[in-house]
Amino acid sequence: MSDIERSATASWSGTLREGTGHISTQSGVLNNTPYTFVTRFEQAPGTNPEELIAAAEAACFTMNIAAVLGRREYRNVQVDTTATCVLSQVEGGRKITKIKLVTRGKADGLDLATFTEIAEDAKKNCIISRALAGVDEFELDAALAE
């Protein structure tokens, strides 16, 4: 398989606190999407880099679990994950210190022990998790869906 390249662009005008940035992705899913100091470091509506990291982790982690379940021939697979990226003030500045994953899954014949084992493996080995290896802590809450 050859390399796959994905890209995004960002621009920023003005100072950090008063300025505005825009993010676009190669696919067009984000197209000149604004972000600001208050969308990143306060609670104003809008996107920010940490939210995008959480989205990438949730998507990759969930796909990894579904892939493993499929390889093991489970049917009627449904996996839902919420990823939370924790940005903390540490000595020397801010740092992503934790990724929290809450995942629920179901498939015909799937038991909790198997789902937990697969989720633990995905937490360590999905592509985005490996890219985020510098994060201090990955927290996982895995359970079967009702």
N, C-alpha and C. Protein backbone atom coordinates (compact mmCIF):
# COMPACT_ATOMS: atom_id res chain seq x y z
N MET A 1 0.85 -1.18 0.00
CA MET A 1 0.00 0.00 0.00
C MET A 1 0.89 1.24 0.00
N SER A 2 0.57 2.19 -0.82
CA SER A 2 1.35 3.42 -0.88
C SER A 2 0.92 4.37 0.23
N ASP A 3 1.75 5.37 0.45
CA ASP A 3 1.44 6.37 1.47
C ASP A 3 0.14 7.09 1.14
N ILE A 4 -0.60 7.43 2.17
CA ILE A 4 -1.82 8.22 2.03
C ILE A 4 -1.54 9.57 2.66
N GLU A 5 -1.80 10.62 1.94
CA GLU A 5 -1.59 11.97 2.47
C GLU A 5 -2.93 12.67 2.61
N ARG A 6 -3.13 13.28 3.76
CA ARG A 6 -4.31 14.10 4.04
C ARG A 6 -3.79 15.45 4.48
N SER A 7 -4.48 16.52 4.15
CA SER A 7 -3.97 17.84 4.52
C SER A 7 -5.06 18.75 5.03
N ALA A 8 -4.63 19.74 5.75
CA ALA A 8 -5.48 20.80 6.24
C ALA A 8 -4.67 22.09 6.23
N THR A 9 -5.35 23.20 6.15
CA THR A 9 -4.67 24.49 6.22
C THR A 9 -5.28 25.33 7.33
N ALA A 10 -4.46 26.18 7.89
CA ALA A 10 -4.94 27.10 8.92
C ALA A 10 -4.30 28.46 8.67
N SER A 11 -5.04 29.48 8.98
CA SER A 11 -4.51 30.84 8.92
C SER A 11 -4.95 31.57 10.17
N TRP A 12 -4.23 32.62 10.53
CA TRP A 12 -4.55 33.42 11.71
C TRP A 12 -4.25 34.87 11.39
N SER A 13 -5.16 35.75 11.75
CA SER A 13 -4.96 37.19 11.58
C SER A 13 -5.16 37.88 12.92
N GLY A 14 -4.20 38.69 13.31
CA GLY A 14 -4.31 39.45 14.56
C GLY A 14 -3.55 38.80 15.68
N THR A 15 -3.68 39.38 16.85
CA THR A 15 -3.02 38.85 18.04
C THR A 15 -3.74 37.59 18.51
N LEU A 16 -3.13 36.88 19.44
CA LEU A 16 -3.74 35.65 19.93
C LEU A 16 -5.13 35.89 20.50
N ARG A 17 -5.26 36.85 21.42
CA ARG A 17 -6.53 37.05 22.11
C ARG A 17 -7.58 37.72 21.23
N GLU A 18 -7.19 38.65 20.39
CA GLU A 18 -8.18 39.38 19.60
C GLU A 18 -8.31 38.86 18.17
N GLY A 19 -7.41 38.01 17.74
CA GLY A 19 -7.39 37.55 16.36
C GLY A 19 -8.40 36.47 16.06
N THR A 20 -8.40 36.06 14.80
CA THR A 20 -9.29 35.01 14.33
C THR A 20 -8.52 34.10 13.38
N GLY A 21 -8.76 32.82 13.50
CA GLY A 21 -8.18 31.86 12.59
C GLY A 21 -9.24 31.16 11.78
N HIS A 22 -8.80 30.53 10.71
CA HIS A 22 -9.70 29.74 9.86
C HIS A 22 -9.00 28.43 9.51
N ILE A 23 -9.77 27.34 9.54
CA ILE A 23 -9.26 26.01 9.24
C ILE A 23 -10.05 25.46 8.06
N SER A 24 -9.32 24.84 7.13
CA SER A 24 -9.96 24.14 6.01
C SER A 24 -9.28 22.78 5.85
N THR A 25 -10.06 21.80 5.41
CA THR A 25 -9.50 20.48 5.17
C THR A 25 -9.56 20.15 3.68
N GLN A 26 -8.68 19.27 3.29
CA GLN A 26 -8.59 18.84 1.90
C GLN A 26 -9.94 18.34 1.39
N SER A 27 -10.68 17.63 2.22
CA SER A 27 -11.97 17.07 1.81
C SER A 27 -13.06 18.12 1.68
N GLY A 28 -12.86 19.27 2.31
CA GLY A 28 -13.88 20.31 2.31
C GLY A 28 -14.85 20.20 3.47
N VAL A 29 -14.70 19.19 4.32
CA VAL A 29 -15.59 19.06 5.48
C VAL A 29 -15.50 20.31 6.35
N LEU A 30 -14.28 20.77 6.56
CA LEU A 30 -14.08 22.09 7.17
C LEU A 30 -13.66 23.02 6.04
N ASN A 31 -14.39 24.11 5.89
CA ASN A 31 -14.10 25.03 4.80
C ASN A 31 -14.10 26.45 5.35
N ASN A 32 -12.90 26.95 5.60
CA ASN A 32 -12.75 28.29 6.15
C ASN A 32 -13.50 28.42 7.49
N THR A 33 -13.44 27.35 8.28
CA THR A 33 -14.13 27.29 9.57
C THR A 33 -13.37 28.15 10.59
N PRO A 34 -14.07 29.09 11.23
CA PRO A 34 -13.37 29.98 12.15
C PRO A 34 -13.06 29.33 13.50
N TYR A 35 -11.97 29.80 14.09
CA TYR A 35 -11.65 29.47 15.47
C TYR A 35 -10.96 30.68 16.08
N THR A 36 -11.11 30.83 17.39
CA THR A 36 -10.60 32.01 18.08
C THR A 36 -10.01 31.60 19.44
N PHE A 37 -9.46 32.58 20.12
CA PHE A 37 -8.95 32.34 21.48
C PHE A 37 -10.07 31.81 22.36
N VAL A 38 -11.26 32.42 22.31
CA VAL A 38 -12.34 32.02 23.22
C VAL A 38 -12.95 30.68 22.85
N THR A 39 -12.87 30.25 21.57
CA THR A 39 -13.36 28.91 21.24
C THR A 39 -12.35 27.85 21.68
N ARG A 40 -11.12 28.26 21.85
CA ARG A 40 -10.10 27.30 22.26
C ARG A 40 -9.89 27.26 23.77
N PHE A 41 -9.77 28.42 24.40
CA PHE A 41 -9.37 28.45 25.80
C PHE A 41 -10.50 28.83 26.75
N GLU A 42 -11.65 29.16 26.21
CA GLU A 42 -12.83 29.44 27.03
C GLU A 42 -13.94 28.55 26.52
N GLN A 43 -15.18 28.89 26.76
CA GLN A 43 -16.27 27.99 26.39
C GLN A 43 -17.16 28.54 25.27
N ALA A 44 -16.65 29.45 24.46
CA ALA A 44 -17.45 30.00 23.37
C ALA A 44 -17.71 28.91 22.32
N PRO A 45 -18.86 28.98 21.66
CA PRO A 45 -19.15 28.01 20.60
C PRO A 45 -18.16 28.15 19.45
N GLY A 46 -17.82 27.04 18.85
CA GLY A 46 -16.89 27.03 17.73
C GLY A 46 -15.87 25.94 17.93
N THR A 47 -15.08 25.69 16.92
CA THR A 47 -14.12 24.60 17.00
C THR A 47 -12.78 25.06 17.53
N ASN A 48 -11.90 24.08 17.75
CA ASN A 48 -10.55 24.34 18.24
C ASN A 48 -9.70 23.11 17.96
N PRO A 49 -8.39 23.23 18.02
CA PRO A 49 -7.54 22.09 17.71
C PRO A 49 -7.78 20.87 18.60
N GLU A 50 -8.04 21.08 19.88
CA GLU A 50 -8.24 19.94 20.78
C GLU A 50 -9.52 19.17 20.44
N GLU A 51 -10.57 19.87 20.05
CA GLU A 51 -11.80 19.21 19.63
C GLU A 51 -11.54 18.36 18.38
N LEU A 52 -10.73 18.89 17.48
CA LEU A 52 -10.41 18.15 16.26
C LEU A 52 -9.57 16.92 16.57
N ILE A 53 -8.67 17.01 17.54
CA ILE A 53 -7.90 15.85 17.98
C ILE A 53 -8.85 14.81 18.58
N ALA A 54 -9.79 15.25 19.41
CA ALA A 54 -10.76 14.32 20.00
C ALA A 54 -11.59 13.65 18.92
N ALA A 55 -12.01 14.40 17.92
CA ALA A 55 -12.79 13.81 16.82
C ALA A 55 -11.97 12.77 16.07
N ALA A 56 -10.71 13.07 15.79
CA ALA A 56 -9.84 12.13 15.09
C ALA A 56 -9.66 10.85 15.91
N GLU A 57 -9.42 11.00 17.21
CA GLU A 57 -9.24 9.83 18.07
C GLU A 57 -10.51 9.00 18.14
N ALA A 58 -11.67 9.65 18.33
CA ALA A 58 -12.94 8.91 18.40
C ALA A 58 -13.19 8.12 17.12
N ALA A 59 -12.95 8.76 15.98
CA ALA A 59 -13.21 8.10 14.70
C ALA A 59 -12.27 6.92 14.48
N CYS A 60 -10.99 7.12 14.69
CA CYS A 60 -10.00 6.07 14.46
C CYS A 60 -10.19 4.90 15.42
N PHE A 61 -10.35 5.19 16.68
CA PHE A 61 -10.54 4.18 17.72
C PHE A 61 -11.78 3.33 17.42
N THR A 62 -12.87 3.98 17.05
CA THR A 62 -14.13 3.30 16.77
C THR A 62 -14.00 2.41 15.53
N MET A 63 -13.35 2.95 14.49
CA MET A 63 -13.13 2.15 13.28
C MET A 63 -12.26 0.93 13.58
N ASN A 64 -11.26 1.09 14.44
CA ASN A 64 -10.39 -0.01 14.79
C ASN A 64 -11.17 -1.13 15.46
N ILE A 65 -12.02 -0.77 16.41
CA ILE A 65 -12.84 -1.78 17.09
C ILE A 65 -13.75 -2.49 16.09
N ALA A 66 -14.41 -1.73 15.22
CA ALA A 66 -15.30 -2.32 14.23
C ALA A 66 -14.54 -3.27 13.29
N ALA A 67 -13.32 -2.88 12.92
CA ALA A 67 -12.51 -3.73 12.04
C ALA A 67 -12.19 -5.07 12.71
N VAL A 68 -11.80 -5.02 13.96
CA VAL A 68 -11.47 -6.26 14.68
C VAL A 68 -12.72 -7.12 14.84
N LEU A 69 -13.83 -6.52 15.21
CA LEU A 69 -15.07 -7.29 15.34
C LEU A 69 -15.44 -7.95 14.01
N GLY A 70 -15.27 -7.21 12.92
CA GLY A 70 -15.56 -7.77 11.60
C GLY A 70 -14.65 -8.93 11.26
N ARG A 71 -13.34 -8.78 11.54
CA ARG A 71 -12.39 -9.86 11.28
C ARG A 71 -12.73 -11.11 12.09
N ARG A 72 -13.29 -10.89 13.27
CA ARG A 72 -13.68 -12.02 14.11
C ARG A 72 -15.09 -12.52 13.77
N GLU A 73 -15.64 -11.99 12.71
CA GLU A 73 -16.92 -12.42 12.14
C GLU A 73 -18.13 -12.15 13.03
N TYR A 74 -18.07 -11.13 13.85
CA TYR A 74 -19.26 -10.67 14.56
C TYR A 74 -20.17 -9.98 13.56
N ARG A 75 -21.46 -10.07 13.78
CA ARG A 75 -22.45 -9.45 12.90
C ARG A 75 -23.26 -8.42 13.68
N ASN A 76 -23.89 -7.53 12.93
CA ASN A 76 -24.73 -6.46 13.51
C ASN A 76 -23.92 -5.61 14.50
N VAL A 77 -22.76 -5.19 14.06
CA VAL A 77 -21.84 -4.42 14.89
C VAL A 77 -22.30 -2.97 14.98
N GLN A 78 -22.28 -2.44 16.19
CA GLN A 78 -22.53 -1.01 16.44
C GLN A 78 -21.57 -0.57 17.53
N VAL A 79 -20.76 0.45 17.24
CA VAL A 79 -19.81 0.98 18.22
C VAL A 79 -19.97 2.49 18.24
N ASP A 80 -20.13 3.05 19.42
CA ASP A 80 -20.24 4.50 19.61
C ASP A 80 -19.21 4.93 20.65
N THR A 81 -18.47 5.98 20.33
CA THR A 81 -17.39 6.43 21.21
C THR A 81 -17.42 7.95 21.36
N THR A 82 -17.21 8.40 22.56
CA THR A 82 -16.95 9.81 22.84
C THR A 82 -15.51 9.91 23.31
N ALA A 83 -14.75 10.77 22.66
CA ALA A 83 -13.37 11.04 23.08
C ALA A 83 -13.31 12.46 23.60
N THR A 84 -12.64 12.64 24.70
CA THR A 84 -12.46 13.97 25.29
C THR A 84 -10.96 14.22 25.41
N CYS A 85 -10.55 15.35 24.90
CA CYS A 85 -9.15 15.77 24.94
C CYS A 85 -9.02 16.78 26.08
N VAL A 86 -8.16 16.50 27.04
CA VAL A 86 -7.99 17.37 28.21
C VAL A 86 -6.74 18.21 28.01
N LEU A 87 -6.93 19.52 27.98
CA LEU A 87 -5.85 20.49 27.86
C LEU A 87 -5.61 21.07 29.24
N SER A 88 -4.40 20.92 29.77
CA SER A 88 -4.09 21.35 31.13
C SER A 88 -2.96 22.36 31.14
N GLN A 89 -2.98 23.20 32.16
CA GLN A 89 -1.85 24.10 32.41
C GLN A 89 -0.82 23.31 33.19
N VAL A 90 0.38 23.20 32.64
CA VAL A 90 1.48 22.51 33.32
C VAL A 90 2.66 23.45 33.37
N GLU A 91 3.68 23.04 34.08
CA GLU A 91 4.89 23.86 34.13
C GLU A 91 5.40 24.06 32.69
N GLY A 92 5.59 25.28 32.33
CA GLY A 92 6.08 25.58 30.99
C GLY A 92 5.01 25.86 29.96
N GLY A 93 3.74 25.77 30.34
CA GLY A 93 2.68 26.09 29.38
C GLY A 93 1.52 25.11 29.45
N ARG A 94 0.80 25.03 28.35
CA ARG A 94 -0.34 24.13 28.27
C ARG A 94 0.07 22.86 27.55
N LYS A 95 -0.62 21.75 27.91
CA LYS A 95 -0.31 20.46 27.33
C LYS A 95 -1.56 19.60 27.33
N ILE A 96 -1.70 18.78 26.30
CA ILE A 96 -2.75 17.76 26.32
C ILE A 96 -2.25 16.67 27.26
N THR A 97 -2.94 16.52 28.39
CA THR A 97 -2.49 15.60 29.42
C THR A 97 -3.28 14.30 29.46
N LYS A 98 -4.47 14.30 28.85
CA LYS A 98 -5.29 13.10 28.94
C LYS A 98 -6.25 13.03 27.76
N ILE A 99 -6.48 11.81 27.32
CA ILE A 99 -7.55 11.51 26.38
C ILE A 99 -8.47 10.55 27.12
N LYS A 100 -9.76 10.91 27.21
CA LYS A 100 -10.76 10.04 27.86
C LYS A 100 -11.63 9.44 26.76
N LEU A 101 -11.73 8.12 26.77
CA LEU A 101 -12.54 7.41 25.80
C LEU A 101 -13.69 6.70 26.52
N VAL A 102 -14.90 6.94 26.07
CA VAL A 102 -16.07 6.23 26.55
C VAL A 102 -16.68 5.55 25.33
N THR A 103 -16.66 4.23 25.33
CA THR A 103 -17.15 3.49 24.17
C THR A 103 -18.18 2.46 24.57
N ARG A 104 -19.16 2.31 23.72
CA ARG A 104 -20.22 1.32 23.91
C ARG A 104 -20.34 0.54 22.61
N GLY A 105 -20.43 -0.76 22.75
CA GLY A 105 -20.51 -1.58 21.55
C GLY A 105 -21.48 -2.72 21.72
N LYS A 106 -21.95 -3.18 20.59
CA LYS A 106 -22.77 -4.38 20.59
C LYS A 106 -22.61 -5.09 19.25
N ALA A 107 -22.79 -6.38 19.31
CA ALA A 107 -22.78 -7.24 18.14
C ALA A 107 -23.35 -8.58 18.57
N ASP A 108 -23.87 -9.31 17.64
CA ASP A 108 -24.43 -10.62 17.96
C ASP A 108 -23.37 -11.49 18.62
N GLY A 109 -23.65 -11.97 19.84
CA GLY A 109 -22.75 -12.87 20.54
C GLY A 109 -21.58 -12.22 21.25
N LEU A 110 -21.48 -10.90 21.22
CA LEU A 110 -20.35 -10.20 21.84
C LEU A 110 -20.52 -10.13 23.35
N ASP A 111 -19.46 -10.51 24.09
CA ASP A 111 -19.50 -10.41 25.55
C ASP A 111 -18.58 -9.27 26.00
N LEU A 112 -18.78 -8.83 27.24
CA LEU A 112 -18.04 -7.69 27.78
C LEU A 112 -16.54 -7.93 27.79
N ALA A 113 -16.08 -9.11 28.17
CA ALA A 113 -14.64 -9.38 28.25
C ALA A 113 -13.99 -9.22 26.87
N THR A 114 -14.63 -9.73 25.84
CA THR A 114 -14.09 -9.62 24.49
C THR A 114 -14.09 -8.17 24.02
N PHE A 115 -15.19 -7.46 24.27
CA PHE A 115 -15.27 -6.06 23.86
C PHE A 115 -14.21 -5.22 24.57
N THR A 116 -14.03 -5.45 25.86
CA THR A 116 -13.03 -4.71 26.63
C THR A 116 -11.63 -5.00 26.11
N GLU A 117 -11.33 -6.24 25.81
CA GLU A 117 -10.01 -6.62 25.27
C GLU A 117 -9.75 -5.89 23.94
N ILE A 118 -10.75 -5.88 23.07
CA ILE A 118 -10.60 -5.23 21.76
C ILE A 118 -10.44 -3.72 21.94
N ALA A 119 -11.22 -3.13 22.84
CA ALA A 119 -11.14 -1.68 23.09
C ALA A 119 -9.78 -1.30 23.68
N GLU A 120 -9.27 -2.11 24.60
CA GLU A 120 -7.94 -1.84 25.17
C GLU A 120 -6.87 -1.87 24.10
N ASP A 121 -6.96 -2.82 23.19
CA ASP A 121 -5.99 -2.90 22.11
C ASP A 121 -6.11 -1.68 21.19
N ALA A 122 -7.33 -1.28 20.86
CA ALA A 122 -7.53 -0.10 20.01
C ALA A 122 -6.99 1.16 20.67
N LYS A 123 -7.16 1.26 21.98
CA LYS A 123 -6.66 2.42 22.72
C LYS A 123 -5.15 2.58 22.54
N LYS A 124 -4.44 1.47 22.46
CA LYS A 124 -2.99 1.51 22.32
C LYS A 124 -2.53 1.54 20.87
N ASN A 125 -3.30 0.94 19.98
CA ASN A 125 -2.78 0.65 18.66
C ASN A 125 -3.48 1.27 17.48
N CYS A 126 -4.59 1.98 17.66
CA CYS A 126 -5.18 2.62 16.49
C CYS A 126 -4.20 3.71 16.02
N ILE A 127 -4.30 4.06 14.77
CA ILE A 127 -3.34 4.98 14.15
C ILE A 127 -3.22 6.29 14.90
N ILE A 128 -4.35 6.88 15.27
CA ILE A 128 -4.32 8.19 15.95
C ILE A 128 -3.81 8.03 17.38
N SER A 129 -4.18 6.97 18.08
CA SER A 129 -3.64 6.74 19.42
C SER A 129 -2.13 6.66 19.39
N ARG A 130 -1.59 5.98 18.40
CA ARG A 130 -0.13 5.88 18.29
C ARG A 130 0.47 7.25 18.01
N ALA A 131 -0.21 8.07 17.22
CA ALA A 131 0.29 9.42 16.95
C ALA A 131 0.26 10.28 18.21
N LEU A 132 -0.64 9.97 19.13
CA LEU A 132 -0.78 10.73 20.37
C LEU A 132 -0.03 10.08 21.53
N ALA A 133 0.98 9.31 21.24
CA ALA A 133 1.71 8.58 22.26
C ALA A 133 2.32 9.48 23.34
N GLY A 134 2.52 10.75 23.06
CA GLY A 134 3.08 11.66 24.04
C GLY A 134 2.09 12.13 25.09
N VAL A 135 0.81 11.79 24.93
CA VAL A 135 -0.20 12.16 25.93
C VAL A 135 0.04 11.31 27.18
N ASP A 136 0.03 11.96 28.33
CA ASP A 136 0.36 11.29 29.59
C ASP A 136 -0.56 10.12 29.91
N GLU A 137 -1.87 10.27 29.65
CA GLU A 137 -2.82 9.27 30.12
C GLU A 137 -3.93 9.08 29.09
N PHE A 138 -4.26 7.82 28.83
CA PHE A 138 -5.43 7.45 28.04
C PHE A 138 -6.35 6.70 28.98
N GLU A 139 -7.51 7.24 29.22
CA GLU A 139 -8.50 6.64 30.12
C GLU A 139 -9.55 5.96 29.25
N LEU A 140 -9.98 4.76 29.62
CA LEU A 140 -10.96 4.02 28.84
C LEU A 140 -12.09 3.51 29.71
N ASP A 141 -13.32 3.77 29.27
CA ASP A 141 -14.52 3.22 29.85
C ASP A 141 -15.22 2.46 28.73
N ALA A 142 -15.12 1.14 28.74
CA ALA A 142 -15.72 0.31 27.70
C ALA A 142 -16.80 -0.56 28.30
N ALA A 143 -17.95 -0.59 27.66
CA ALA A 143 -19.06 -1.41 28.12
C ALA A 143 -19.92 -1.80 26.92
N LEU A 144 -20.74 -2.81 27.13
CA LEU A 144 -21.67 -3.20 26.08
C LEU A 144 -22.83 -2.22 26.07
N ALA A 145 -23.31 -1.93 24.86
CA ALA A 145 -24.46 -1.05 24.70
C ALA A 145 -25.72 -1.80 25.12
N GLU A 146 -26.67 -1.06 25.55
CA GLU A 146 -27.96 -1.66 25.96
C GLU A 146 -28.75 -2.05 24.74
